[in-house]
Amino acid sequence: MRRYLVLTDEGRRHPFRRSLPPQRIERLRDDDQDLKLFALSFTAFFICFYTFLF
Protein backbone atom coordinates (compact mmCIF):
# COMPACT_ATOMS: atom_id res chain seq x y z
CA MET A 1 0.00 0.00 0.00
CA ARG A 2 1.39 3.36 -1.01
CA ARG A 3 0.60 6.40 1.16
CA TYR A 4 1.13 9.95 0.02
CA LEU A 5 2.84 12.57 2.17
CA VAL A 6 -0.12 14.92 2.12
CA LEU A 7 -3.10 13.33 3.80
CA THR A 8 -6.10 15.52 3.12
CA ASP A 9 -8.90 13.53 4.76
CA GLU A 10 -7.01 11.54 7.38
CA GLY A 11 -8.23 13.69 10.29
CA ARG A 12 -11.90 13.45 9.28
CA ARG A 13 -12.10 9.68 9.83
CA HIS A 14 -12.70 9.88 13.57
CA PRO A 15 -16.46 9.64 14.35
CA PHE A 16 -16.46 12.77 16.51
CA ARG A 17 -14.69 14.83 13.86
CA ARG A 18 -17.07 13.58 11.19
CA SER A 19 -20.00 14.83 13.26
CA LEU A 20 -18.59 18.39 13.39
CA PRO A 21 -19.40 20.86 10.61
CA PRO A 22 -16.54 21.55 8.18
CA GLN A 23 -14.23 24.33 9.30
CA ARG A 24 -13.77 27.46 7.28
CA ILE A 25 -10.28 28.85 7.43
CA GLU A 26 -10.31 32.59 6.94
CA ARG A 27 -7.15 34.60 6.84
CA LEU A 28 -7.82 38.00 8.26
CA ARG A 29 -4.80 40.10 7.51
CA ASP A 30 -4.20 43.78 7.10
CA ASP A 31 -2.72 44.70 3.77
CA ASP A 32 -0.35 47.23 5.29
CA GLN A 33 1.06 44.80 7.86
CA ASP A 34 3.95 43.84 5.57
CA LEU A 35 4.75 47.50 4.92
CA LYS A 36 4.76 48.28 8.64
CA LEU A 37 7.08 45.34 9.34
CA PHE A 38 9.45 46.45 6.57
CA ALA A 39 9.55 50.02 7.86
CA LEU A 40 10.19 48.85 11.42
CA SER A 41 12.96 46.47 10.34
CA PHE A 42 14.58 49.07 8.10
CA THR A 43 14.53 51.67 10.87
CA ALA A 44 15.97 49.27 13.44
CA PHE A 45 18.74 48.19 11.05
CA PHE A 46 19.54 51.81 10.16
CA ILE A 47 19.77 52.83 13.84
CA CYS A 48 22.05 49.87 14.68
CA PHE A 49 24.26 50.46 11.66
CA TYR A 50 24.48 54.20 12.31
CA THR A 51 25.30 53.57 16.00
CA PHE A 52 28.17 51.19 15.18
CA LEU A 53 29.66 53.59 12.63
CA PHE A 54 29.71 56.64 14.85
PDB file of N, CA and C in Angstrom:
ATOM      1  N   MET A   1       0.844  -1.177   0.000  1.00  0.00           N
ATOM      2  CA  MET A   1       0.000   0.000   0.000  1.00  0.00           C
ATOM      3  C   MET A   1       0.892   1.244   0.000  1.00  0.00           C
ATOM      4  N   ARG A   2       0.608   2.143  -0.891  1.00  0.00           N
ATOM      5  CA  ARG A   2       1.394   3.363  -1.006  1.00  0.00           C
ATOM      6  C   ARG A   2       0.609   4.527  -0.400  1.00  0.00           C
ATOM      7  N   ARG A   3       1.244   5.248   0.523  1.00  0.00           N
ATOM      8  CA  ARG A   3       0.599   6.396   1.160  1.00  0.00           C
ATOM      9  C   ARG A   3       1.322   7.665   0.733  1.00  0.00           C
ATOM     10  N   TYR A   4       0.555   8.681   0.434  1.00  0.00           N
ATOM     11  CA  TYR A   4       1.128   9.950   0.018  1.00  0.00           C
ATOM     12  C   TYR A   4       1.494  10.781   1.248  1.00  0.00           C
ATOM     13  N   LEU A   5       2.406  11.735   1.055  1.00  0.00           N
ATOM     14  CA  LEU A   5       2.845  12.566   2.170  1.00  0.00           C
ATOM     15  C   LEU A   5       1.740  13.501   2.653  1.00  0.00           C
ATOM     16  N   VAL A   6       0.946  14.005   1.749  1.00  0.00           N
ATOM     17  CA  VAL A   6      -0.119  14.925   2.116  1.00  0.00           C
ATOM     18  C   VAL A   6      -1.404  14.130   2.281  1.00  0.00           C
ATOM     19  N   LEU A   7      -1.864  14.051   3.507  1.00  0.00           N
ATOM     20  CA  LEU A   7      -3.097  13.332   3.796  1.00  0.00           C
ATOM     21  C   LEU A   7      -4.200  14.362   4.000  1.00  0.00           C
ATOM     22  N   THR A   8      -5.091  14.467   3.046  1.00  0.00           N
ATOM     23  CA  THR A   8      -6.101  15.523   3.116  1.00  0.00           C
ATOM     24  C   THR A   8      -7.270  15.158   4.017  1.00  0.00           C
ATOM     25  N   ASP A   9      -7.713  13.915   4.010  1.00  0.00           N
ATOM     26  CA  ASP A   9      -8.900  13.535   4.759  1.00  0.00           C
ATOM     27  C   ASP A   9      -8.599  12.616   5.942  1.00  0.00           C
ATOM     28  N   GLU A  10      -7.373  12.473   6.315  1.00  0.00           N
ATOM     29  CA  GLU A  10      -7.011  11.541   7.384  1.00  0.00           C
ATOM     30  C   GLU A  10      -7.642  11.938   8.720  1.00  0.00           C
ATOM     31  N   GLY A  11      -7.694  13.241   9.012  1.00  0.00           N
ATOM     32  CA  GLY A  11      -8.233  13.688  10.286  1.00  0.00           C
ATOM     33  C   GLY A  11      -9.737  13.596  10.377  1.00  0.00           C
ATOM     34  N   ARG A  12     -10.434  13.485   9.264  1.00  0.00           N
ATOM     35  CA  ARG A  12     -11.896  13.450   9.279  1.00  0.00           C
ATOM     36  C   ARG A  12     -12.441  12.039   9.474  1.00  0.00           C
ATOM     37  N   ARG A  13     -11.615  11.049   9.694  1.00  0.00           N
ATOM     38  CA  ARG A  13     -12.096   9.678   9.833  1.00  0.00           C
ATOM     39  C   ARG A  13     -12.631   9.361  11.224  1.00  0.00           C
ATOM     40  N   HIS A  14     -12.231  10.129  12.211  1.00  0.00           N
ATOM     41  CA  HIS A  14     -12.700   9.878  13.568  1.00  0.00           C
ATOM     42  C   HIS A  14     -14.189  10.224  13.644  1.00  0.00           C
ATOM     43  N   PRO A  15     -15.001   9.404  14.319  1.00  0.00           N
ATOM     44  CA  PRO A  15     -16.457   9.642  14.354  1.00  0.00           C
ATOM     45  C   PRO A  15     -16.847  11.006  14.915  1.00  0.00           C
ATOM     46  N   PHE A  16     -16.129  11.469  15.943  1.00  0.00           N
ATOM     47  CA  PHE A  16     -16.461  12.773  16.514  1.00  0.00           C
ATOM     48  C   PHE A  16     -16.164  13.892  15.527  1.00  0.00           C
ATOM     49  N   ARG A  17     -15.034  13.794  14.839  1.00  0.00           N
ATOM     50  CA  ARG A  17     -14.691  14.827  13.863  1.00  0.00           C
ATOM     51  C   ARG A  17     -15.622  14.803  12.660  1.00  0.00           C
ATOM     52  N   ARG A  18     -16.116  13.649  12.302  1.00  0.00           N
ATOM     53  CA  ARG A  18     -17.067  13.583  11.193  1.00  0.00           C
ATOM     54  C   ARG A  18     -18.385  14.237  11.549  1.00  0.00           C
ATOM     55  N   SER A  19     -18.737  14.231  12.855  1.00  0.00           N
ATOM     56  CA  SER A  19     -20.001  14.834  13.265  1.00  0.00           C
ATOM     57  C   SER A  19     -19.934  16.361  13.299  1.00  0.00           C
ATOM     58  N   LEU A  20     -18.730  16.931  13.353  1.00  0.00           N
ATOM     59  CA  LEU A  20     -18.588  18.386  13.386  1.00  0.00           C
ATOM     60  C   LEU A  20     -18.794  18.984  11.998  1.00  0.00           C
ATOM     61  N   PRO A  21     -19.278  20.217  11.921  1.00  0.00           N
ATOM     62  CA  PRO A  21     -19.396  20.858  10.609  1.00  0.00           C
ATOM     63  C   PRO A  21     -18.003  21.177  10.059  1.00  0.00           C
ATOM     64  N   PRO A  22     -17.848  21.238   8.744  1.00  0.00           N
ATOM     65  CA  PRO A  22     -16.537  21.546   8.176  1.00  0.00           C
ATOM     66  C   PRO A  22     -16.076  22.935   8.595  1.00  0.00           C
ATOM     67  N   GLN A  23     -14.795  23.070   8.847  1.00  0.00           N
ATOM     68  CA  GLN A  23     -14.229  24.329   9.304  1.00  0.00           C
ATOM     69  C   GLN A  23     -13.888  25.203   8.110  1.00  0.00           C
ATOM     70  N   ARG A  24     -14.176  26.473   8.285  1.00  0.00           N
ATOM     71  CA  ARG A  24     -13.773  27.457   7.282  1.00  0.00           C
ATOM     72  C   ARG A  24     -12.555  28.179   7.802  1.00  0.00           C
ATOM     73  N   ILE A  25     -11.505  28.171   7.034  1.00  0.00           N
ATOM     74  CA  ILE A  25     -10.276  28.851   7.426  1.00  0.00           C
ATOM     75  C   ILE A  25     -10.244  30.195   6.709  1.00  0.00           C
ATOM     76  N   GLU A  26     -10.330  31.244   7.495  1.00  0.00           N
ATOM     77  CA  GLU A  26     -10.311  32.591   6.936  1.00  0.00           C
ATOM     78  C   GLU A  26      -9.049  33.294   7.422  1.00  0.00           C
ATOM     79  N   ARG A  27      -8.339  33.844   6.483  1.00  0.00           N
ATOM     80  CA  ARG A  27      -7.146  34.602   6.837  1.00  0.00           C
ATOM     81  C   ARG A  27      -7.503  36.073   6.888  1.00  0.00           C
ATOM     82  N   LEU A  28      -7.571  36.580   8.087  1.00  0.00           N
ATOM     83  CA  LEU A  28      -7.820  38.002   8.261  1.00  0.00           C
ATOM     84  C   LEU A  28      -6.469  38.674   8.434  1.00  0.00           C
ATOM     85  N   ARG A  29      -6.119  39.490   7.474  1.00  0.00           N
ATOM     86  CA  ARG A  29      -4.795  40.102   7.509  1.00  0.00           C
ATOM     87  C   ARG A  29      -4.899  41.510   6.950  1.00  0.00           C
ATOM     88  N   ASP A  30      -4.249  42.416   7.612  1.00  0.00           N
ATOM     89  CA  ASP A  30      -4.202  43.780   7.101  1.00  0.00           C
ATOM     90  C   ASP A  30      -3.228  43.837   5.938  1.00  0.00           C
ATOM     91  N   ASP A  31      -3.587  44.591   4.925  1.00  0.00           N
ATOM     92  CA  ASP A  31      -2.722  44.698   3.765  1.00  0.00           C
ATOM     93  C   ASP A  31      -1.452  45.483   4.063  1.00  0.00           C
ATOM     94  N   ASP A  32      -1.524  46.409   5.007  1.00  0.00           N
ATOM     95  CA  ASP A  32      -0.351  47.229   5.290  1.00  0.00           C
ATOM     96  C   ASP A  32       0.544  46.628   6.368  1.00  0.00           C
ATOM     97  N   GLN A  33       0.246  45.426   6.814  1.00  0.00           N
ATOM     98  CA  GLN A  33       1.055  44.797   7.857  1.00  0.00           C
ATOM     99  C   GLN A  33       2.478  44.529   7.363  1.00  0.00           C
ATOM    100  N   ASP A  34       2.622  44.098   6.115  1.00  0.00           N
ATOM    101  CA  ASP A  34       3.951  43.842   5.567  1.00  0.00           C
ATOM    102  C   ASP A  34       4.747  45.135   5.446  1.00  0.00           C
ATOM    103  N   LEU A  35       4.087  46.209   5.050  1.00  0.00           N
ATOM    104  CA  LEU A  35       4.755  47.495   4.915  1.00  0.00           C
ATOM    105  C   LEU A  35       5.223  48.017   6.272  1.00  0.00           C
ATOM    106  N   LYS A  36       4.387  47.844   7.289  1.00  0.00           N
ATOM    107  CA  LYS A  36       4.764  48.279   8.638  1.00  0.00           C
ATOM    108  C   LYS A  36       5.963  47.484   9.158  1.00  0.00           C
ATOM    109  N   LEU A  37       5.965  46.175   8.908  1.00  0.00           N
ATOM    110  CA  LEU A  37       7.078  45.341   9.343  1.00  0.00           C
ATOM    111  C   LEU A  37       8.363  45.733   8.624  1.00  0.00           C
ATOM    112  N   PHE A  38       8.270  46.019   7.323  1.00  0.00           N
ATOM    113  CA  PHE A  38       9.450  46.446   6.571  1.00  0.00           C
ATOM    114  C   PHE A  38       9.993  47.759   7.107  1.00  0.00           C
ATOM    115  N   ALA A  39       9.108  48.716   7.359  1.00  0.00           N
ATOM    116  CA  ALA A  39       9.552  50.018   7.861  1.00  0.00           C
ATOM    117  C   ALA A  39      10.199  49.881   9.238  1.00  0.00           C
ATOM    118  N   LEU A  40       9.623  49.065  10.098  1.00  0.00           N
ATOM    119  CA  LEU A  40      10.189  48.852  11.421  1.00  0.00           C
ATOM    120  C   LEU A  40      11.553  48.183  11.339  1.00  0.00           C
ATOM    121  N   SER A  41      11.683  47.167  10.492  1.00  0.00           N
ATOM    122  CA  SER A  41      12.956  46.467  10.338  1.00  0.00           C
ATOM    123  C   SER A  41      14.016  47.379   9.738  1.00  0.00           C
ATOM    124  N   PHE A  42      13.632  48.160   8.737  1.00  0.00           N
ATOM    125  CA  PHE A  42      14.583  49.072   8.103  1.00  0.00           C
ATOM    126  C   PHE A  42      15.070  50.121   9.092  1.00  0.00           C
ATOM    127  N   THR A  43      14.151  50.655   9.883  1.00  0.00           N
ATOM    128  CA  THR A  43      14.526  51.670  10.867  1.00  0.00           C
ATOM    129  C   THR A  43      15.447  51.092  11.935  1.00  0.00           C
ATOM    130  N   ALA A  44      15.131  49.901  12.418  1.00  0.00           N
ATOM    131  CA  ALA A  44      15.974  49.272  13.440  1.00  0.00           C
ATOM    132  C   ALA A  44      17.363  48.970  12.887  1.00  0.00           C
ATOM    133  N   PHE A  45      17.443  48.469  11.657  1.00  0.00           N
ATOM    134  CA  PHE A  45      18.743  48.190  11.051  1.00  0.00           C
ATOM    135  C   PHE A  45      19.534  49.482  10.851  1.00  0.00           C
ATOM    136  N   PHE A  46      18.866  50.538  10.390  1.00  0.00           N
ATOM    137  CA  PHE A  46      19.538  51.813  10.165  1.00  0.00           C
ATOM    138  C   PHE A  46      20.091  52.381  11.470  1.00  0.00           C
ATOM    139  N   ILE A  47      19.311  52.306  12.546  1.00  0.00           N
ATOM    140  CA  ILE A  47      19.767  52.827  13.837  1.00  0.00           C
ATOM    141  C   ILE A  47      20.965  52.023  14.344  1.00  0.00           C
ATOM    142  N   CYS A  48      20.909  50.704  14.242  1.00  0.00           N
ATOM    143  CA  CYS A  48      22.047  49.873  14.682  1.00  0.00           C
ATOM    144  C   CYS A  48      23.289  50.149  13.845  1.00  0.00           C
ATOM    145  N   PHE A  49      23.124  50.214  12.551  1.00  0.00           N
ATOM    146  CA  PHE A  49      24.262  50.457  11.658  1.00  0.00           C
ATOM    147  C   PHE A  49      24.861  51.826  11.914  1.00  0.00           C
ATOM    148  N   TYR A  50      24.018  52.840  12.058  1.00  0.00           N
ATOM    149  CA  TYR A  50      24.481  54.201  12.314  1.00  0.00           C
ATOM    150  C   TYR A  50      25.185  54.281  13.665  1.00  0.00           C
ATOM    151  N   THR A  51      24.692  53.560  14.665  1.00  0.00           N
ATOM    152  CA  THR A  51      25.302  53.570  16.003  1.00  0.00           C
ATOM    153  C   THR A  51      26.690  52.935  15.972  1.00  0.00           C
ATOM    154  N   PHE A  52      26.856  51.858  15.240  1.00  0.00           N
ATOM    155  CA  PHE A  52      28.165  51.187  15.184  1.00  0.00           C
ATOM    156  C   PHE A  52      29.173  52.003  14.376  1.00  0.00           C
ATOM    157  N   LEU A  53      28.722  52.781  13.423  1.00  0.00           N
ATOM    158  CA  LEU A  53      29.657  53.587  12.635  1.00  0.00           C
ATOM    159  C   LEU A  53      30.174  54.787  13.416  1.00  0.00           C
ATOM    160  N   PHE A  54      29.310  55.424  14.165  1.00  0.00           N
ATOM    161  CA  PHE A  54      29.708  56.642  14.852  1.00  0.00           C
ATOM    162  C   PHE A  54      29.668  56.438  16.297  1.00  0.00           C
TER     163      PHE A  54
END
